[in-house]
Amino acid sequence: MASYHAFRQIGIRTTHGLLAPSHIPPLCTALPFQISHQDSFASRSISLHGFRAADLPESLRDIETCLRAHQAKLYHLGIRGNIAKSTLADANEQRDCRIYMDFAMSLIQIARKLYSSDSLEVELEQTVYALDTTTIDLCLSVFPWARFRQTKAAVKMHTLLDLCGNIPTFIHISDGKMHEVNVLDFLIPEAGSFYIMDRGFTDFARWFIMHQAQAFFVTRAKSSLLFRRVYSHSVDKSTGLRCDQTIALTATKASKDYPQHLRRIKFYDAEHDKHLVFLTNNFDLPALTIAQLYRCRWQIELFFKWIKQHLRIKRFYGTTENAVKTQIWIAISVYVLVAIVKKRLNTETSLYTILQILSLTLFEKTNLDHLLKNTEMQMITHHNNNQLNLFN
């Protein structure tokens, strides 16, 4: 069995049948495609990670050429049908991207269960989420449906990341015009959970809805915030804390949108020589824990960076909205599949290393578990033969 097929089987064993006709929107079942949903997913996910960065296919024709060069091995990759540029193009244009969204969300459910016992940097029993948005720039003349500004096009990926395992739990793909704060309307707050977000999500009315749902938010305060101090709590300034206050909003609209008290914490980050001011509706956790929670938000920035660098979501194989969303959802599926493989094989190998191994051994009939164990052994074993390094 080829390593990619093994990788795919590990990930989708419990999602068997997800891409079957019963899970496909009615619009799609009526279309006479010559390529199955599984083959479409396989060929395009291979194109996202199955070649080294310098050798990434530039077009659907390149994908066809690369896969036909390994025609005899396609069956072992789990590809049963013929892969052609025309069928891939038809699928890109007409096959509903929701098929791949549903598949990705099913994988996410599996991954969250696998990583549920992982620990955070901050010891908390509650679930902690990071919410943020990344913008993917596009060419306006090629993607006119994604108009962002007068001369630019873009799509935005609004993401809620479970910080236990850094697994995305909610993703909304929009055009560039949608403001990130509007994504709060799509979220169903979980009582007791923490939502970490930056100042771009400032909206007191939406925060109050979250507060009424008994969920907690931690965010940065804008410098223009108008408030009055109700009470000041003592802090240990040696930890970086400068103040811990209970405040009431004084601006007319803000006080109407959020009529209850908030907690304002000021913290000095000595490492970056910055003063940070946080707002939260949680009055129970220590002030330092609130500051540490916000620091965990950086994980979602790393997630966006990882996806953009290692999976192909900056250059697209199709120009329609459906094609772009399909490629993004397949990239997310690959990320989650790698995370599932890492956990199920109980390996300490990084996600990036697993992806690299897959890209180099894609068409080899080598056990994936064996490949990863060999990598771990090579990392542990260091031979010193008292020989100079040729490239030093």
Protein backbone atom coordinates (compact mmCIF):
# COMPACT_ATOMS: atom_id res chain seq x y z
CA MET A 1 0.00 0.00 0.00
CA ALA A 2 1.40 3.40 -0.98
CA SER A 3 2.16 5.78 1.88
CA TYR A 4 -0.45 8.32 0.76
CA HIS A 5 -3.17 5.66 0.65
CA ALA A 6 -2.17 4.51 4.15
CA PHE A 7 -2.25 8.12 5.30
CA ARG A 8 -5.70 8.64 3.82
CA GLN A 9 -7.09 5.40 5.25
CA ILE A 10 -5.88 6.24 8.77
CA GLY A 11 -7.68 9.54 8.57
CA ILE A 12 -10.95 8.57 6.92
CA ARG A 13 -11.58 5.11 8.38
CA THR A 14 -14.31 6.49 10.62
CA THR A 15 -15.70 8.80 7.94
CA HIS A 16 -16.39 5.98 5.48
CA GLY A 17 -19.18 6.91 3.10
CA LEU A 18 -18.97 10.64 3.72
CA LEU A 19 -18.33 11.31 0.04
CA ALA A 20 -20.98 8.83 -1.04
CA PRO A 21 -24.04 10.06 -2.99
CA SER A 22 -26.23 10.19 0.15
CA HIS A 23 -23.99 12.97 1.51
CA ILE A 24 -23.88 15.01 -1.69
CA PRO A 25 -26.18 18.02 -2.23
CA PRO A 26 -28.97 17.28 -4.80
CA LEU A 27 -27.45 19.70 -7.32
CA CYS A 28 -24.30 17.59 -7.48
CA THR A 29 -25.87 14.15 -7.78
CA ALA A 30 -27.49 15.12 -11.06
CA LEU A 31 -24.20 16.00 -12.73
CA PRO A 32 -22.68 13.25 -14.92
CA PHE A 33 -19.09 13.42 -13.63
CA GLN A 34 -16.56 10.94 -14.91
CA ILE A 35 -14.38 11.35 -11.81
CA SER A 36 -15.55 10.23 -8.37
CA HIS A 37 -15.56 12.48 -5.33
CA GLN A 38 -12.88 10.32 -3.71
CA ASP A 39 -10.63 10.53 -6.78
CA SER A 40 -11.16 14.27 -7.05
CA PHE A 41 -10.19 14.72 -3.41
CA ALA A 42 -7.19 12.40 -3.73
CA SER A 43 -5.76 14.02 -6.85
CA ARG A 44 -6.09 17.55 -5.55
CA SER A 45 -4.91 16.81 -2.02
CA ILE A 46 -1.85 15.12 -3.56
CA SER A 47 -1.22 18.28 -5.58
CA LEU A 48 -1.26 20.34 -2.36
CA HIS A 49 1.30 18.31 -0.45
CA GLY A 50 2.52 15.48 -2.62
CA PHE A 51 5.40 17.28 -4.28
CA ARG A 52 8.28 19.28 -2.95
CA ALA A 53 7.73 23.04 -2.91
CA ALA A 54 9.90 23.61 -5.98
CA ASP A 55 7.96 20.96 -7.91
CA LEU A 56 4.38 21.97 -7.10
CA PRO A 57 2.12 21.54 -10.14
CA GLU A 58 1.26 24.90 -11.67
CA SER A 59 -2.01 23.84 -13.30
CA LEU A 60 -4.58 21.08 -13.62
CA ARG A 61 -2.69 19.86 -16.69
CA ASP A 62 0.44 19.53 -14.53
CA ILE A 63 -1.53 17.44 -12.02
CA GLU A 64 -2.72 15.20 -14.85
CA THR A 65 0.84 14.85 -16.21
CA CYS A 66 2.36 14.09 -12.81
CA LEU A 67 -0.24 11.47 -11.92
CA ARG A 68 -0.15 9.80 -15.34
CA ALA A 69 3.59 9.43 -14.95
CA HIS A 70 2.72 7.09 -12.06
CA GLN A 71 -0.26 5.45 -13.75
CA ALA A 72 0.53 1.98 -12.43
CA LYS A 73 0.63 3.24 -8.85
CA LEU A 74 -2.60 5.26 -8.83
CA TYR A 75 -4.67 2.28 -7.69
CA HIS A 76 -2.48 1.95 -4.61
CA LEU A 77 -3.02 5.65 -3.91
CA GLY A 78 -6.74 4.98 -3.70
CA ILE A 79 -7.47 6.51 -7.12
CA ARG A 80 -9.75 4.20 -9.12
CA GLY A 81 -10.72 6.30 -12.15
CA ASN A 82 -8.90 8.14 -14.91
CA ILE A 83 -7.52 11.56 -14.00
CA ALA A 84 -7.81 14.13 -16.78
CA LYS A 85 -7.57 17.90 -16.90
CA SER A 86 -11.10 18.23 -18.27
CA THR A 87 -12.73 16.17 -15.52
CA LEU A 88 -10.78 18.01 -12.82
CA ALA A 89 -11.81 21.34 -14.37
CA ASP A 90 -15.47 20.28 -14.50
CA ALA A 91 -15.34 19.20 -10.87
CA ASN A 92 -13.67 22.48 -9.90
CA GLU A 93 -16.41 24.50 -11.54
CA GLN A 94 -19.54 22.50 -10.82
CA ARG A 95 -18.99 20.12 -7.91
CA ASP A 96 -20.27 21.81 -4.78
CA CYS A 97 -17.50 22.77 -2.38
CA ARG A 98 -19.81 21.83 0.51
CA ILE A 99 -18.93 18.19 -0.16
CA TYR A 100 -15.36 18.91 0.92
CA MET A 101 -16.49 21.23 3.70
CA ASP A 102 -18.58 18.40 5.19
CA PHE A 103 -15.64 16.03 4.85
CA ALA A 104 -13.29 18.50 6.56
CA MET A 105 -15.75 19.09 9.41
CA SER A 106 -16.13 15.33 9.92
CA LEU A 107 -12.34 14.99 10.15
CA ILE A 108 -12.28 17.90 12.60
CA GLN A 109 -14.70 16.08 14.91
CA ILE A 110 -12.38 13.06 14.93
CA ALA A 111 -9.29 15.18 15.55
CA ARG A 112 -10.88 17.11 18.42
CA LYS A 113 -11.66 13.87 20.25
CA LEU A 114 -8.09 12.66 19.76
CA TYR A 115 -6.59 15.89 21.09
CA SER A 116 -9.14 16.56 23.84
CA SER A 117 -6.76 15.43 26.60
CA ASP A 118 -3.84 17.58 25.43
CA SER A 119 -2.75 20.30 27.83
CA LEU A 120 -2.60 24.04 27.25
CA GLU A 121 0.14 26.44 28.26
CA VAL A 122 -2.39 27.69 30.82
CA GLU A 123 -3.92 25.08 33.12
CA LEU A 124 -7.69 25.32 32.64
CA GLU A 125 -10.50 22.81 32.60
CA GLN A 126 -12.54 24.90 30.18
CA THR A 127 -12.17 24.81 26.40
CA VAL A 128 -10.13 27.71 25.02
CA TYR A 129 -10.63 28.97 21.47
CA ALA A 130 -8.71 31.53 19.43
CA LEU A 131 -10.69 33.49 16.85
CA ASP A 132 -9.05 35.32 13.96
CA THR A 133 -9.23 36.03 10.24
CA THR A 134 -6.59 35.72 7.53
CA THR A 135 -6.78 37.35 4.11
CA ILE A 136 -5.71 35.54 0.94
CA ASP A 137 -4.90 38.05 -1.81
CA LEU A 138 -6.18 37.42 -5.33
CA CYS A 139 -5.90 39.15 -8.69
CA LEU A 140 -9.03 41.23 -9.37
CA SER A 141 -8.96 40.67 -13.13
CA VAL A 142 -8.86 36.88 -12.65
CA PHE A 143 -11.20 36.67 -9.63
CA PRO A 144 -13.72 39.51 -10.20
CA TRP A 145 -16.29 37.91 -7.87
CA ALA A 146 -13.89 38.41 -4.91
CA ARG A 147 -13.59 42.22 -5.11
CA PHE A 148 -11.98 43.54 -1.92
CA ARG A 149 -10.90 47.06 -2.76
CA GLN A 150 -10.97 49.15 -5.92
CA THR A 151 -7.92 47.41 -7.41
CA LYS A 152 -7.67 44.27 -5.27
CA ALA A 153 -9.47 40.98 -4.78
CA ALA A 154 -9.28 38.65 -1.81
CA VAL A 155 -10.98 35.92 0.16
CA LYS A 156 -10.99 35.75 3.93
CA MET A 157 -10.76 32.65 6.07
CA HIS A 158 -12.48 33.28 9.41
CA THR A 159 -11.31 30.58 11.80
CA LEU A 160 -12.05 29.41 15.33
CA LEU A 161 -9.14 27.30 16.60
CA ASP A 162 -9.39 24.88 19.52
CA LEU A 163 -6.11 25.46 21.33
CA CYS A 164 -6.07 21.83 22.50
CA GLY A 165 -4.15 20.42 19.54
CA ASN A 166 -4.63 23.57 17.42
CA ILE A 167 -7.54 22.05 15.53
CA PRO A 168 -9.85 24.43 13.61
CA THR A 169 -13.44 23.91 14.78
CA PHE A 170 -15.21 26.54 12.70
CA ILE A 171 -14.21 28.05 9.36
CA HIS A 172 -16.13 30.51 7.24
CA ILE A 173 -14.76 31.49 3.83
CA SER A 174 -16.00 34.86 2.56
CA ASP A 175 -15.03 37.49 0.04
CA GLY A 176 -12.68 40.23 1.18
CA LYS A 177 -15.44 42.73 1.92
CA MET A 178 -16.82 40.90 4.95
CA HIS A 179 -15.54 42.49 8.17
CA GLU A 180 -14.10 39.99 10.61
CA VAL A 181 -16.38 41.07 13.48
CA ASN A 182 -19.43 39.83 11.51
CA VAL A 183 -18.26 36.24 11.91
CA LEU A 184 -19.39 36.44 15.56
CA ASP A 185 -22.95 36.17 14.21
CA PHE A 186 -22.17 32.67 12.90
CA LEU A 187 -20.78 31.35 16.19
CA ILE A 188 -22.84 29.59 18.85
CA PRO A 189 -21.03 30.40 22.13
CA GLU A 190 -20.35 27.44 24.42
CA ALA A 191 -21.12 28.12 28.07
CA GLY A 192 -17.94 28.16 30.15
CA SER A 193 -15.58 28.31 27.16
CA PHE A 194 -13.05 31.08 26.54
CA TYR A 195 -12.83 32.97 23.23
CA ILE A 196 -9.55 34.80 22.65
CA MET A 197 -9.67 37.48 19.94
CA ASP A 198 -7.88 40.66 18.91
CA ARG A 199 -9.21 44.23 18.74
CA GLY A 200 -10.65 43.71 15.27
CA PHE A 201 -13.55 41.83 16.88
CA THR A 202 -14.60 44.73 19.12
CA ASP A 203 -18.39 44.84 19.21
CA PHE A 204 -20.03 45.32 22.61
CA ALA A 205 -23.48 44.16 21.49
CA ARG A 206 -22.09 40.87 20.18
CA TRP A 207 -19.91 40.48 23.28
CA PHE A 208 -22.97 40.90 25.47
CA ILE A 209 -24.71 38.07 23.60
CA MET A 210 -21.66 35.93 24.35
CA HIS A 211 -21.80 37.05 28.00
CA GLN A 212 -25.49 36.12 28.26
CA ALA A 213 -24.63 32.67 26.88
CA GLN A 214 -22.24 32.32 29.87
CA ALA A 215 -19.20 32.18 27.61
CA PHE A 216 -16.06 34.21 28.34
CA PHE A 217 -14.08 36.46 26.02
CA VAL A 218 -10.56 37.85 26.35
CA THR A 219 -9.49 40.62 24.00
CA ARG A 220 -7.34 43.74 23.69
CA ALA A 221 -8.89 47.10 24.54
CA LYS A 222 -8.80 49.91 22.02
CA SER A 223 -6.96 53.05 23.10
CA SER A 224 -10.13 55.08 22.48
CA LEU A 225 -12.16 53.09 25.04
CA LEU A 226 -14.27 55.36 27.28
CA PHE A 227 -14.91 53.99 30.76
CA ARG A 228 -15.00 54.79 34.45
CA ARG A 229 -13.25 52.77 37.11
CA VAL A 230 -15.58 51.07 39.57
CA TYR A 231 -13.00 49.19 41.63
CA SER A 232 -9.26 48.46 41.60
CA HIS A 233 -7.79 45.15 42.73
CA SER A 234 -4.27 44.76 44.07
CA VAL A 235 -1.67 43.23 41.72
CA ASP A 236 1.88 41.91 41.97
CA LYS A 237 3.80 44.28 39.70
CA SER A 238 6.83 41.97 39.64
CA THR A 239 4.79 39.65 37.36
CA GLY A 240 4.27 42.39 34.79
CA LEU A 241 0.76 43.29 35.93
CA ARG A 242 0.09 47.01 36.28
CA CYS A 243 -3.60 47.11 37.18
CA ASP A 244 -6.69 44.92 37.56
CA GLN A 245 -9.86 46.99 37.43
CA THR A 246 -13.61 46.56 37.34
CA ILE A 247 -14.96 49.15 34.89
CA ALA A 248 -18.20 50.45 33.44
CA LEU A 249 -18.45 51.71 29.88
CA THR A 250 -19.39 55.40 29.58
CA ALA A 251 -19.88 55.94 25.84
CA THR A 252 -23.61 56.16 25.11
CA LYS A 253 -23.84 53.36 22.55
CA ALA A 254 -21.26 51.10 24.22
CA SER A 255 -22.93 51.35 27.64
CA LYS A 256 -26.29 50.52 26.05
CA ASP A 257 -24.85 47.56 24.11
CA TYR A 258 -22.97 46.22 27.16
CA PRO A 259 -24.75 47.44 30.32
CA GLN A 260 -22.77 45.32 32.78
CA HIS A 261 -19.28 45.70 34.24
CA LEU A 262 -16.13 44.54 32.48
CA ARG A 263 -12.69 43.67 33.77
CA ARG A 264 -9.72 45.72 32.55
CA ILE A 265 -6.20 44.36 33.04
CA LYS A 266 -3.01 46.20 32.15
CA PHE A 267 0.15 44.15 31.62
CA TYR A 268 3.72 45.06 30.75
CA ASP A 269 5.40 42.67 28.31
CA ALA A 270 9.09 43.10 29.16
CA GLU A 271 10.21 40.83 26.31
CA HIS A 272 8.75 43.16 23.68
CA ASP A 273 8.70 46.33 25.79
CA LYS A 274 4.96 46.81 25.29
CA HIS A 275 2.05 47.74 27.54
CA LEU A 276 -1.04 45.63 26.80
CA VAL A 277 -4.56 46.31 28.03
CA PHE A 278 -7.02 43.41 28.13
CA LEU A 279 -10.80 43.29 28.48
CA THR A 280 -12.71 40.27 29.72
CA ASN A 281 -16.03 39.35 31.27
CA ASN A 282 -14.37 36.78 33.53
CA PHE A 283 -13.84 37.98 37.10
CA ASP A 284 -12.75 34.64 38.61
CA LEU A 285 -9.39 33.80 37.00
CA PRO A 286 -6.22 35.51 38.29
CA ALA A 287 -5.27 38.58 36.27
CA LEU A 288 -1.97 36.99 35.22
CA THR A 289 -3.84 33.96 33.84
CA ILE A 290 -5.94 36.28 31.66
CA ALA A 291 -2.74 37.82 30.24
CA GLN A 292 -1.29 34.35 29.63
CA LEU A 293 -4.49 33.26 27.89
CA TYR A 294 -4.22 36.11 25.41
CA ARG A 295 -0.66 35.08 24.66
CA CYS A 296 -2.03 31.69 23.52
CA ARG A 297 -3.83 33.53 20.71
CA TRP A 298 -0.54 33.45 18.82
CA GLN A 299 -1.25 29.80 17.99
CA ILE A 300 -3.86 30.81 15.42
CA GLU A 301 -1.32 33.06 13.70
CA LEU A 302 1.01 30.06 13.50
CA PHE A 303 -1.85 27.96 12.09
CA PHE A 304 -2.47 30.47 9.29
CA LYS A 305 1.25 30.67 8.57
CA TRP A 306 1.55 26.86 8.43
CA ILE A 307 -1.41 26.45 6.09
CA LYS A 308 -0.19 29.17 3.72
CA GLN A 309 3.44 28.01 3.65
CA HIS A 310 3.01 24.24 3.43
CA LEU A 311 -0.34 23.79 1.64
CA ARG A 312 -1.33 25.51 -1.54
CA ILE A 313 -3.90 28.20 -0.69
CA LYS A 314 -2.16 31.24 -2.18
CA ARG A 315 -2.29 30.02 -5.79
CA PHE A 316 -5.37 28.30 -7.14
CA TYR A 317 -6.19 25.72 -9.81
CA GLY A 318 -9.51 27.37 -10.67
CA THR A 319 -10.86 30.91 -10.84
CA THR A 320 -14.48 30.44 -9.75
CA GLU A 321 -15.66 30.94 -6.17
CA ASN A 322 -16.45 27.24 -5.94
CA ALA A 323 -12.96 26.24 -7.14
CA VAL A 324 -11.23 28.51 -4.62
CA LYS A 325 -13.35 27.31 -1.71
CA THR A 326 -12.89 23.69 -2.77
CA GLN A 327 -9.10 24.07 -2.73
CA ILE A 328 -9.16 25.73 0.69
CA TRP A 329 -11.37 23.03 2.18
CA ILE A 330 -9.14 20.29 0.75
CA ALA A 331 -6.09 22.03 2.25
CA ILE A 332 -7.82 22.14 5.64
CA SER A 333 -8.68 18.44 5.29
CA VAL A 334 -5.03 17.60 4.60
CA TYR A 335 -3.92 19.59 7.67
CA VAL A 336 -6.41 17.77 9.90
CA LEU A 337 -5.54 14.39 8.35
CA VAL A 338 -1.87 14.95 9.18
CA ALA A 339 -2.87 15.87 12.75
CA ILE A 340 -4.97 12.69 13.03
CA VAL A 341 -2.10 10.56 11.69
CA LYS A 342 0.30 12.12 14.20
CA LYS A 343 -2.01 11.25 17.09
CA ARG A 344 -3.08 7.80 15.95
CA LEU A 345 0.49 6.70 15.32
CA ASN A 346 1.51 8.23 18.66
CA THR A 347 4.52 9.94 17.12
CA GLU A 348 6.40 13.01 18.30
CA THR A 349 7.27 13.87 14.70
CA SER A 350 6.11 17.39 13.80
CA LEU A 351 3.24 17.98 11.37
CA TYR A 352 5.66 19.58 8.93
CA THR A 353 8.02 16.57 9.03
CA ILE A 354 5.12 14.17 8.46
CA LEU A 355 4.07 16.25 5.47
CA GLN A 356 7.62 16.24 4.12
CA ILE A 357 7.89 12.46 4.49
CA LEU A 358 4.62 12.02 2.63
CA SER A 359 5.76 14.31 -0.18
CA LEU A 360 8.97 12.31 -0.67
CA THR A 361 7.47 8.82 -0.30
CA LEU A 362 4.09 9.44 -1.87
CA PHE A 363 4.29 6.68 -4.47
CA GLU A 364 6.33 4.21 -2.42
CA LYS A 365 4.82 1.01 -1.03
CA THR A 366 6.25 1.60 2.41
CA ASN A 367 4.40 1.37 5.71
CA LEU A 368 3.77 4.90 6.98
CA ASP A 369 4.32 3.91 10.60
CA HIS A 370 7.70 2.44 9.63
CA LEU A 371 8.70 5.64 7.81
CA LEU A 372 7.89 7.80 10.83
CA LYS A 373 9.66 5.49 13.27
CA ASN A 374 12.78 5.54 11.12
CA THR A 375 12.68 9.33 11.10
CA GLU A 376 12.40 9.45 14.89
CA MET A 377 15.32 7.05 15.29
CA GLN A 378 17.48 9.13 12.96
CA MET A 379 16.67 12.26 14.94
CA ILE A 380 17.58 10.55 18.22
CA THR A 381 20.71 8.82 16.97
CA HIS A 382 23.60 11.16 16.29
CA HIS A 383 26.81 9.71 14.95
CA ASN A 384 30.06 11.52 15.50
CA ASN A 385 32.82 10.02 13.39
CA ASN A 386 35.28 12.84 14.11
CA GLN A 387 34.87 13.83 10.50
CA LEU A 388 34.68 17.43 9.34
CA ASN A 389 31.48 18.64 7.73
CA LEU A 390 32.16 19.23 4.06
CA PHE A 391 29.80 22.22 3.98
CA ASN A 392 31.00 24.02 7.10
